[in-house]
N, C-alpha and C. Protein backbone atom coordinates (compact mmCIF):
# COMPACT_ATOMS: atom_id res chain seq x y z
N MET A 1 84.23 -74.08 37.88
CA MET A 1 84.79 -73.52 36.67
C MET A 1 83.70 -72.75 35.95
N ASP A 2 84.01 -71.51 35.59
CA ASP A 2 83.05 -70.68 34.88
C ASP A 2 83.08 -71.03 33.39
N ASP A 3 81.89 -71.03 32.79
CA ASP A 3 81.78 -71.25 31.35
C ASP A 3 81.84 -69.90 30.67
N VAL A 4 82.94 -69.62 29.99
CA VAL A 4 83.13 -68.33 29.34
C VAL A 4 83.08 -68.54 27.83
N THR A 5 82.25 -67.74 27.20
CA THR A 5 82.14 -67.79 25.74
C THR A 5 82.79 -66.54 25.17
N GLU A 6 83.72 -66.72 24.26
CA GLU A 6 84.40 -65.61 23.62
C GLU A 6 83.49 -65.01 22.57
N ASP A 7 83.30 -63.69 22.61
CA ASP A 7 82.49 -63.01 21.60
C ASP A 7 83.39 -62.67 20.43
N ARG A 8 83.14 -63.30 19.32
CA ARG A 8 83.95 -63.07 18.12
C ARG A 8 83.28 -62.10 17.17
N GLY A 9 82.26 -61.41 17.64
CA GLY A 9 81.55 -60.47 16.78
C GLY A 9 80.54 -61.20 15.91
N PRO A 10 79.95 -60.48 14.96
CA PRO A 10 78.95 -61.11 14.11
C PRO A 10 79.58 -62.18 13.21
N ALA A 11 78.79 -63.19 12.92
CA ALA A 11 79.27 -64.25 12.03
C ALA A 11 79.55 -63.66 10.65
N PRO A 12 80.58 -64.16 9.97
CA PRO A 12 80.88 -63.64 8.64
C PRO A 12 79.72 -63.93 7.68
N GLN A 13 79.46 -62.99 6.80
CA GLN A 13 78.39 -63.16 5.83
C GLN A 13 78.83 -64.18 4.78
N THR A 14 78.04 -65.23 4.61
CA THR A 14 78.41 -66.29 3.68
C THR A 14 77.38 -66.46 2.57
N ARG A 15 76.39 -65.60 2.52
CA ARG A 15 75.39 -65.65 1.46
C ARG A 15 75.22 -64.27 0.87
N LEU A 16 74.67 -64.25 -0.33
CA LEU A 16 74.36 -62.98 -0.96
C LEU A 16 73.00 -62.50 -0.47
N ARG A 17 72.90 -61.19 -0.24
CA ARG A 17 71.66 -60.59 0.23
C ARG A 17 71.25 -59.47 -0.73
N LEU A 18 69.96 -59.33 -0.92
CA LEU A 18 69.42 -58.27 -1.77
C LEU A 18 69.54 -56.94 -1.05
N VAL A 19 70.13 -55.96 -1.75
CA VAL A 19 70.22 -54.60 -1.23
C VAL A 19 69.16 -53.73 -1.90
N ALA A 20 69.08 -53.79 -3.24
CA ALA A 20 68.14 -52.93 -3.96
C ALA A 20 67.84 -53.47 -5.34
N VAL A 21 66.64 -53.17 -5.80
CA VAL A 21 66.22 -53.40 -7.18
C VAL A 21 65.68 -52.08 -7.69
N GLU A 22 66.27 -51.60 -8.77
CA GLU A 22 65.83 -50.33 -9.35
C GLU A 22 65.42 -50.57 -10.79
N GLN A 23 64.37 -49.87 -11.22
CA GLN A 23 63.86 -50.05 -12.58
C GLN A 23 63.73 -48.69 -13.25
N ASP A 24 64.28 -48.59 -14.46
CA ASP A 24 64.17 -47.37 -15.28
C ASP A 24 63.43 -47.71 -16.55
N GLU A 25 62.44 -46.89 -16.89
CA GLU A 25 61.78 -47.05 -18.18
C GLU A 25 62.60 -46.33 -19.23
N MET A 26 62.77 -46.96 -20.37
CA MET A 26 63.56 -46.41 -21.45
C MET A 26 62.64 -46.20 -22.65
N SER A 27 63.16 -45.60 -23.69
CA SER A 27 62.35 -45.38 -24.88
C SER A 27 62.12 -46.70 -25.62
N GLY A 28 61.06 -46.75 -26.40
CA GLY A 28 60.79 -47.93 -27.23
C GLY A 28 60.30 -49.12 -26.44
N SER A 29 59.54 -48.91 -25.39
CA SER A 29 58.99 -50.01 -24.57
C SER A 29 60.07 -50.91 -23.99
N ARG A 30 61.17 -50.30 -23.56
CA ARG A 30 62.26 -51.06 -22.96
C ARG A 30 62.43 -50.63 -21.51
N ILE A 31 63.00 -51.53 -20.71
CA ILE A 31 63.30 -51.23 -19.31
C ILE A 31 64.74 -51.63 -18.99
N ARG A 32 65.26 -50.99 -17.96
CA ARG A 32 66.58 -51.34 -17.44
C ARG A 32 66.39 -51.65 -15.95
N LEU A 33 66.86 -52.82 -15.54
CA LEU A 33 66.82 -53.21 -14.13
C LEU A 33 68.24 -53.21 -13.58
N ARG A 34 68.37 -52.65 -12.39
CA ARG A 34 69.66 -52.67 -11.70
C ARG A 34 69.45 -53.42 -10.40
N VAL A 35 70.23 -54.48 -10.20
CA VAL A 35 70.15 -55.29 -8.99
C VAL A 35 71.46 -55.13 -8.23
N THR A 36 71.34 -54.83 -6.93
CA THR A 36 72.51 -54.70 -6.07
C THR A 36 72.41 -55.76 -4.98
N LEU A 37 73.47 -56.57 -4.89
CA LEU A 37 73.56 -57.61 -3.88
C LEU A 37 74.72 -57.31 -2.95
N GLN A 38 74.59 -57.74 -1.70
CA GLN A 38 75.68 -57.60 -0.74
C GLN A 38 76.24 -58.99 -0.46
N GLY A 39 77.56 -59.10 -0.53
CA GLY A 39 78.23 -60.37 -0.26
C GLY A 39 79.40 -60.15 0.67
N PRO A 40 80.19 -61.19 0.91
CA PRO A 40 81.33 -61.08 1.82
C PRO A 40 82.36 -60.03 1.41
N ARG A 41 82.47 -59.75 0.14
CA ARG A 41 83.45 -58.76 -0.34
C ARG A 41 82.83 -57.40 -0.64
N GLY A 42 81.59 -57.18 -0.21
CA GLY A 42 80.95 -55.89 -0.45
C GLY A 42 79.78 -56.00 -1.40
N ASP A 43 79.37 -54.86 -1.93
CA ASP A 43 78.21 -54.80 -2.81
C ASP A 43 78.61 -55.08 -4.26
N HIS A 44 77.70 -55.72 -4.98
CA HIS A 44 77.88 -56.02 -6.40
C HIS A 44 76.59 -55.64 -7.11
N ALA A 45 76.70 -54.74 -8.08
CA ALA A 45 75.52 -54.26 -8.80
C ALA A 45 75.70 -54.52 -10.29
N THR A 46 74.62 -54.95 -10.92
CA THR A 46 74.64 -55.15 -12.37
C THR A 46 73.31 -54.71 -12.94
N GLU A 47 73.30 -54.50 -14.25
CA GLU A 47 72.10 -54.08 -14.95
C GLU A 47 71.76 -55.05 -16.05
N ALA A 48 70.48 -55.10 -16.37
CA ALA A 48 70.01 -55.87 -17.52
C ALA A 48 68.92 -55.05 -18.20
N GLU A 49 68.92 -55.08 -19.54
CA GLU A 49 67.95 -54.32 -20.32
C GLU A 49 67.17 -55.25 -21.24
N GLY A 50 65.91 -54.87 -21.50
CA GLY A 50 65.09 -55.65 -22.42
C GLY A 50 63.73 -55.03 -22.61
N LEU A 51 62.87 -55.75 -23.32
CA LEU A 51 61.51 -55.29 -23.55
C LEU A 51 60.72 -55.25 -22.25
N ASP A 52 59.83 -54.29 -22.16
CA ASP A 52 59.02 -54.11 -20.96
C ASP A 52 57.75 -54.96 -21.06
N THR A 53 57.90 -56.25 -20.77
CA THR A 53 56.76 -57.17 -20.67
C THR A 53 56.84 -57.83 -19.30
N PRO A 54 55.73 -58.29 -18.76
CA PRO A 54 55.76 -58.87 -17.41
C PRO A 54 56.76 -60.02 -17.25
N ILE A 55 56.78 -60.98 -18.16
CA ILE A 55 57.69 -62.12 -18.00
C ILE A 55 59.13 -61.71 -18.28
N MET A 56 59.34 -60.76 -19.22
CA MET A 56 60.71 -60.31 -19.50
C MET A 56 61.28 -59.55 -18.31
N GLU A 57 60.45 -58.83 -17.59
CA GLU A 57 60.90 -58.13 -16.39
C GLU A 57 61.44 -59.12 -15.36
N LEU A 58 60.75 -60.24 -15.22
CA LEU A 58 61.21 -61.28 -14.28
C LEU A 58 62.52 -61.89 -14.76
N ARG A 59 62.61 -62.14 -16.06
CA ARG A 59 63.83 -62.72 -16.63
C ARG A 59 65.02 -61.77 -16.46
N LEU A 60 64.80 -60.48 -16.71
CA LEU A 60 65.87 -59.49 -16.55
C LEU A 60 66.32 -59.41 -15.09
N ALA A 61 65.37 -59.50 -14.17
CA ALA A 61 65.73 -59.48 -12.74
C ALA A 61 66.61 -60.69 -12.40
N ALA A 62 66.25 -61.86 -12.91
CA ALA A 62 67.04 -63.06 -12.65
C ALA A 62 68.42 -62.96 -13.31
N GLU A 63 68.48 -62.46 -14.54
CA GLU A 63 69.77 -62.32 -15.22
C GLU A 63 70.69 -61.34 -14.51
N ALA A 64 70.14 -60.21 -14.07
CA ALA A 64 70.96 -59.23 -13.35
C ALA A 64 71.43 -59.81 -12.01
N THR A 65 70.59 -60.58 -11.35
CA THR A 65 70.97 -61.21 -10.09
C THR A 65 72.11 -62.20 -10.30
N LEU A 66 72.02 -63.01 -11.35
CA LEU A 66 73.09 -63.98 -11.64
C LEU A 66 74.39 -63.27 -12.02
N ALA A 67 74.28 -62.16 -12.74
CA ALA A 67 75.49 -61.40 -13.10
C ALA A 67 76.15 -60.81 -11.85
N ALA A 68 75.34 -60.28 -10.92
CA ALA A 68 75.89 -59.75 -9.67
C ALA A 68 76.51 -60.87 -8.84
N ALA A 69 75.87 -62.04 -8.82
CA ALA A 69 76.42 -63.19 -8.10
C ALA A 69 77.74 -63.61 -8.73
N GLY A 70 77.81 -63.61 -10.04
CA GLY A 70 79.06 -63.92 -10.73
C GLY A 70 80.15 -62.93 -10.38
N GLY A 71 79.79 -61.67 -10.23
CA GLY A 71 80.75 -60.65 -9.81
C GLY A 71 81.25 -60.90 -8.40
N ALA A 72 80.35 -61.35 -7.52
CA ALA A 72 80.74 -61.66 -6.15
C ALA A 72 81.71 -62.84 -6.11
N LEU A 73 81.54 -63.77 -7.04
CA LEU A 73 82.41 -64.94 -7.11
C LEU A 73 83.70 -64.67 -7.87
N GLY A 74 83.68 -63.65 -8.72
CA GLY A 74 84.81 -63.42 -9.60
C GLY A 74 84.76 -64.35 -10.81
N ASP A 75 83.60 -64.95 -11.08
CA ASP A 75 83.44 -65.88 -12.20
C ASP A 75 82.04 -65.69 -12.79
N PRO A 76 81.87 -64.73 -13.71
CA PRO A 76 80.54 -64.43 -14.23
C PRO A 76 79.90 -65.54 -15.06
N SER A 77 80.68 -66.50 -15.51
CA SER A 77 80.10 -67.57 -16.34
C SER A 77 79.72 -68.81 -15.55
N TRP A 78 79.86 -68.78 -14.23
CA TRP A 78 79.62 -69.96 -13.42
C TRP A 78 78.14 -70.33 -13.34
N LEU A 79 77.25 -69.34 -13.45
CA LEU A 79 75.81 -69.57 -13.33
C LEU A 79 75.09 -69.21 -14.62
N GLU A 80 74.10 -70.02 -14.98
CA GLU A 80 73.34 -69.80 -16.21
C GLU A 80 71.85 -69.92 -15.91
N LEU A 81 71.08 -68.94 -16.38
CA LEU A 81 69.64 -68.96 -16.20
C LEU A 81 69.02 -69.98 -17.14
N VAL A 82 68.25 -70.91 -16.59
CA VAL A 82 67.55 -71.91 -17.39
C VAL A 82 66.16 -71.42 -17.75
N GLY A 83 65.44 -70.86 -16.76
CA GLY A 83 64.10 -70.39 -17.06
C GLY A 83 63.45 -69.67 -15.90
N VAL A 84 62.36 -68.98 -16.23
CA VAL A 84 61.57 -68.21 -15.28
C VAL A 84 60.11 -68.54 -15.52
N LYS A 85 59.37 -68.80 -14.45
CA LYS A 85 57.94 -69.08 -14.56
C LYS A 85 57.19 -68.30 -13.50
N LEU A 86 56.05 -67.77 -13.89
CA LEU A 86 55.10 -67.17 -12.96
C LEU A 86 53.91 -68.11 -12.91
N LEU A 87 53.68 -68.69 -11.73
CA LEU A 87 52.59 -69.65 -11.56
C LEU A 87 51.57 -69.12 -10.58
N HIS A 88 50.35 -69.59 -10.72
CA HIS A 88 49.32 -69.31 -9.73
C HIS A 88 48.99 -70.63 -9.06
N ALA A 89 49.31 -70.74 -7.79
CA ALA A 89 49.07 -71.98 -7.05
C ALA A 89 48.62 -71.65 -5.64
N PHE A 90 47.67 -72.41 -5.14
CA PHE A 90 47.20 -72.25 -3.77
C PHE A 90 46.75 -70.81 -3.50
N ASP A 91 46.02 -70.25 -4.43
CA ASP A 91 45.45 -68.91 -4.32
C ASP A 91 46.48 -67.78 -4.22
N SER A 92 47.67 -68.01 -4.73
CA SER A 92 48.66 -66.93 -4.77
C SER A 92 49.62 -67.14 -5.93
N ASP A 93 50.29 -66.05 -6.33
CA ASP A 93 51.29 -66.13 -7.39
C ASP A 93 52.62 -66.57 -6.80
N VAL A 94 53.34 -67.38 -7.57
CA VAL A 94 54.65 -67.89 -7.16
C VAL A 94 55.61 -67.71 -8.34
N ILE A 95 56.78 -67.19 -8.05
CA ILE A 95 57.83 -67.04 -9.06
C ILE A 95 58.78 -68.22 -8.90
N LEU A 96 59.02 -68.94 -9.99
CA LEU A 96 59.99 -70.04 -10.01
C LEU A 96 61.15 -69.66 -10.91
N ILE A 97 62.35 -69.90 -10.43
CA ILE A 97 63.56 -69.63 -11.20
C ILE A 97 64.38 -70.92 -11.24
N ALA A 98 64.85 -71.28 -12.42
CA ALA A 98 65.74 -72.44 -12.57
C ALA A 98 67.09 -71.95 -13.09
N VAL A 99 68.15 -72.45 -12.45
CA VAL A 99 69.52 -72.03 -12.75
C VAL A 99 70.38 -73.28 -12.89
N ARG A 100 71.41 -73.19 -13.70
CA ARG A 100 72.39 -74.27 -13.83
C ARG A 100 73.75 -73.70 -13.47
N SER A 101 74.55 -74.50 -12.76
CA SER A 101 75.91 -74.08 -12.42
C SER A 101 76.91 -74.88 -13.24
N ALA A 102 78.08 -74.29 -13.42
CA ALA A 102 79.15 -74.96 -14.17
C ALA A 102 79.62 -76.23 -13.45
N ASP A 103 79.50 -76.25 -12.11
CA ASP A 103 79.92 -77.43 -11.35
C ASP A 103 79.03 -78.64 -11.60
N HIS A 104 77.74 -78.40 -11.81
CA HIS A 104 76.76 -79.48 -12.00
C HIS A 104 75.84 -79.13 -13.17
N PRO A 105 76.34 -79.19 -14.41
CA PRO A 105 75.52 -78.77 -15.55
C PRO A 105 74.29 -79.64 -15.80
N ASP A 106 74.27 -80.85 -15.24
CA ASP A 106 73.14 -81.75 -15.43
C ASP A 106 72.07 -81.58 -14.36
N ARG A 107 72.29 -80.69 -13.40
CA ARG A 107 71.35 -80.50 -12.29
C ARG A 107 70.83 -79.06 -12.29
N LYS A 108 69.50 -78.91 -12.13
CA LYS A 108 68.91 -77.59 -12.07
C LYS A 108 68.74 -77.17 -10.61
N LEU A 109 69.09 -75.94 -10.34
CA LEU A 109 68.88 -75.33 -9.04
C LEU A 109 67.60 -74.53 -9.15
N VAL A 110 66.63 -74.75 -8.27
CA VAL A 110 65.33 -74.11 -8.39
C VAL A 110 65.05 -73.30 -7.13
N GLY A 111 64.57 -72.08 -7.36
CA GLY A 111 64.15 -71.21 -6.27
C GLY A 111 62.72 -70.80 -6.48
N ALA A 112 61.97 -70.64 -5.40
CA ALA A 112 60.57 -70.25 -5.47
C ALA A 112 60.26 -69.23 -4.38
N VAL A 113 59.52 -68.20 -4.75
CA VAL A 113 59.11 -67.17 -3.80
C VAL A 113 57.70 -66.73 -4.14
N PRO A 114 56.81 -66.68 -3.13
CA PRO A 114 55.47 -66.15 -3.38
C PRO A 114 55.55 -64.66 -3.72
N SER A 115 54.60 -64.18 -4.49
CA SER A 115 54.67 -62.80 -4.96
C SER A 115 53.29 -62.19 -5.07
N ASP A 116 53.23 -60.89 -4.83
CA ASP A 116 52.01 -60.15 -5.16
C ASP A 116 52.30 -59.37 -6.44
N PRO A 117 51.29 -58.89 -7.14
CA PRO A 117 51.53 -58.22 -8.43
C PRO A 117 52.47 -57.02 -8.36
N ASP A 118 52.52 -56.32 -7.24
CA ASP A 118 53.37 -55.14 -7.12
C ASP A 118 54.82 -55.48 -6.76
N GLY A 119 55.10 -56.71 -6.37
CA GLY A 119 56.45 -57.06 -5.93
C GLY A 119 57.08 -58.17 -6.72
N ARG A 120 56.68 -58.34 -7.96
CA ARG A 120 57.19 -59.48 -8.75
C ARG A 120 58.66 -59.37 -9.10
N THR A 121 59.14 -58.18 -9.39
CA THR A 121 60.55 -58.04 -9.76
C THR A 121 61.44 -58.42 -8.57
N GLU A 122 61.13 -57.88 -7.41
CA GLU A 122 61.90 -58.22 -6.21
C GLU A 122 61.77 -59.71 -5.89
N ALA A 123 60.58 -60.27 -6.09
CA ALA A 123 60.38 -61.71 -5.83
C ALA A 123 61.24 -62.54 -6.78
N ALA A 124 61.42 -62.09 -8.02
CA ALA A 124 62.26 -62.83 -8.98
C ALA A 124 63.72 -62.82 -8.52
N VAL A 125 64.18 -61.69 -7.98
CA VAL A 125 65.55 -61.62 -7.44
C VAL A 125 65.68 -62.58 -6.26
N LYS A 126 64.70 -62.55 -5.35
CA LYS A 126 64.75 -63.41 -4.17
C LYS A 126 64.65 -64.89 -4.55
N ALA A 127 63.86 -65.22 -5.56
CA ALA A 127 63.76 -66.62 -6.02
C ALA A 127 65.09 -67.07 -6.62
N THR A 128 65.76 -66.16 -7.33
CA THR A 128 67.08 -66.49 -7.90
C THR A 128 68.08 -66.74 -6.78
N LEU A 129 68.07 -65.88 -5.76
CA LEU A 129 68.96 -66.09 -4.62
C LEU A 129 68.61 -67.38 -3.89
N ASP A 130 67.32 -67.69 -3.80
CA ASP A 130 66.88 -68.95 -3.18
C ASP A 130 67.46 -70.15 -3.93
N ALA A 131 67.53 -70.04 -5.25
CA ALA A 131 68.07 -71.14 -6.06
C ALA A 131 69.57 -71.30 -5.89
N ILE A 132 70.30 -70.20 -5.76
CA ILE A 132 71.76 -70.30 -5.83
C ILE A 132 72.50 -70.21 -4.51
N ASN A 133 71.92 -69.62 -3.48
CA ASN A 133 72.69 -69.37 -2.26
C ASN A 133 73.23 -70.63 -1.59
N ARG A 134 72.49 -71.72 -1.65
CA ARG A 134 72.98 -72.95 -0.99
C ARG A 134 74.26 -73.47 -1.66
N VAL A 135 74.34 -73.39 -2.97
CA VAL A 135 75.55 -73.88 -3.65
C VAL A 135 76.62 -72.80 -3.74
N LEU A 136 76.21 -71.55 -3.62
CA LEU A 136 77.16 -70.45 -3.68
C LEU A 136 77.93 -70.27 -2.38
N GLU A 137 77.30 -70.60 -1.28
CA GLU A 137 77.88 -70.36 0.04
C GLU A 137 79.30 -70.91 0.19
N PRO A 138 79.56 -72.18 -0.14
CA PRO A 138 80.94 -72.68 0.02
C PRO A 138 81.94 -71.93 -0.86
N ARG A 139 81.53 -71.54 -2.05
CA ARG A 139 82.43 -70.80 -2.94
C ARG A 139 82.72 -69.41 -2.40
N LEU A 140 81.70 -68.77 -1.82
CA LEU A 140 81.91 -67.44 -1.23
C LEU A 140 82.82 -67.52 -0.02
N VAL A 141 82.66 -68.56 0.79
CA VAL A 141 83.51 -68.74 1.97
C VAL A 141 84.96 -68.95 1.53
N ARG A 142 85.17 -69.80 0.51
CA ARG A 142 86.54 -70.02 0.00
C ARG A 142 87.11 -68.74 -0.57
N ALA A 143 86.30 -67.99 -1.29
CA ALA A 143 86.78 -66.75 -1.90
C ALA A 143 87.13 -65.73 -0.83
N ARG A 144 86.41 -65.74 0.27
CA ARG A 144 86.62 -64.78 1.35
C ARG A 144 87.71 -65.24 2.31
N GLY A 145 87.87 -66.55 2.48
CA GLY A 145 88.84 -67.07 3.43
C GLY A 145 88.16 -67.36 4.75
N GLU A 146 88.63 -68.33 5.47
CA GLU A 146 88.03 -68.76 6.73
C GLU A 146 88.03 -67.67 7.79
N ASP A 147 89.06 -66.78 7.79
CA ASP A 147 89.16 -65.77 8.84
C ASP A 147 88.54 -64.44 8.46
N GLY A 148 87.79 -64.41 7.36
CA GLY A 148 87.11 -63.18 6.97
C GLY A 148 87.90 -62.30 6.03
N ARG A 149 89.11 -62.71 5.67
CA ARG A 149 89.90 -61.92 4.72
C ARG A 149 89.75 -62.51 3.34
N ASP A 150 90.02 -61.70 2.33
CA ASP A 150 90.04 -62.22 0.97
C ASP A 150 91.15 -63.24 0.86
N ALA A 151 90.92 -64.29 0.08
CA ALA A 151 91.93 -65.32 -0.10
C ALA A 151 93.22 -64.68 -0.60
N GLY A 152 94.32 -65.02 0.03
CA GLY A 152 95.61 -64.49 -0.37
C GLY A 152 96.00 -63.20 0.33
N GLU A 153 95.09 -62.60 1.12
CA GLU A 153 95.40 -61.36 1.82
C GLU A 153 96.14 -61.70 3.11
N SER A 154 97.26 -61.06 3.36
CA SER A 154 98.03 -61.34 4.57
C SER A 154 97.50 -60.51 5.72
N GLU A 155 97.82 -60.93 6.93
CA GLU A 155 97.40 -60.20 8.13
C GLU A 155 97.97 -58.79 8.12
N ALA A 156 99.26 -58.65 7.77
CA ALA A 156 99.90 -57.34 7.76
C ALA A 156 99.36 -56.46 6.64
N GLY A 157 98.82 -57.07 5.60
CA GLY A 157 98.31 -56.30 4.46
C GLY A 157 96.94 -55.72 4.69
N ARG A 158 96.26 -56.14 5.74
CA ARG A 158 94.94 -55.60 6.03
C ARG A 158 95.05 -54.21 6.62
N GLU A 159 94.23 -53.29 6.14
CA GLU A 159 94.27 -51.92 6.64
C GLU A 159 93.91 -51.91 8.12
N GLY A 160 94.71 -51.26 8.93
CA GLY A 160 94.43 -51.12 10.35
C GLY A 160 94.74 -52.38 11.16
N ALA A 161 95.35 -53.37 10.56
CA ALA A 161 95.65 -54.61 11.29
C ALA A 161 96.86 -54.40 12.18
N GLU A 162 96.82 -55.00 13.36
CA GLU A 162 97.97 -54.97 14.25
C GLU A 162 98.99 -55.99 13.77
N PRO A 163 100.27 -55.74 14.01
CA PRO A 163 101.27 -56.74 13.66
C PRO A 163 100.99 -58.04 14.43
N ALA A 164 101.36 -59.15 13.84
CA ALA A 164 101.12 -60.45 14.48
C ALA A 164 101.75 -60.46 15.86
N GLY A 165 100.97 -60.92 16.86
CA GLY A 165 101.47 -61.03 18.22
C GLY A 165 101.32 -59.77 19.05
N ALA A 166 100.92 -58.64 18.45
CA ALA A 166 100.80 -57.38 19.19
C ALA A 166 99.74 -57.46 20.26
N ALA A 167 98.62 -58.09 19.96
CA ALA A 167 97.54 -58.18 20.95
C ALA A 167 97.98 -59.01 22.15
N GLU A 168 98.71 -60.10 21.92
CA GLU A 168 99.16 -60.95 23.00
C GLU A 168 100.24 -60.27 23.83
N ALA A 169 101.12 -59.49 23.16
CA ALA A 169 102.23 -58.84 23.86
C ALA A 169 101.72 -57.80 24.85
N GLY A 170 100.62 -57.13 24.52
CA GLY A 170 100.09 -56.10 25.39
C GLY A 170 99.25 -56.68 26.53
N ALA A 171 98.84 -57.93 26.43
CA ALA A 171 98.01 -58.54 27.48
C ALA A 171 98.91 -58.99 28.61
N GLY A 172 98.45 -58.84 29.81
CA GLY A 172 99.31 -59.42 30.81
C GLY A 172 99.01 -58.96 32.12
């Protein structure tokens, strides 16, 4: 008996991934950060504005990341930023992000990413994703549906979908 493995294509994306971080300098020592994340339902981009200071830049990156994650979930209030820290440990800089979710308000989700001085904003986004992706994954899978469709989307309602049973009827 031959062992045949069915190729079902790439595994469905169940975590948020960083697409881009963009920074605009504004008047009055202010900055605007735009964070774009890719999730199971496509890209989600949000912006955050504030004073142009090193720690505020990290905080804005984390806030924009959480807002984009909330957009991916369809629930922008589900995640709350607790804090941002830039630490120097073991001869390198480390960005720590603490987040709280509505499901577990008494528990902090913590993400950490090493950083160099030129990549701190991106490291703050990645540390935020490190904190939330493990708890976000089941919610994203439920929101997307087990078969890769949005929850509530019918087979016939998908663009380019074959009618049910068409693939089997043509095989033979």
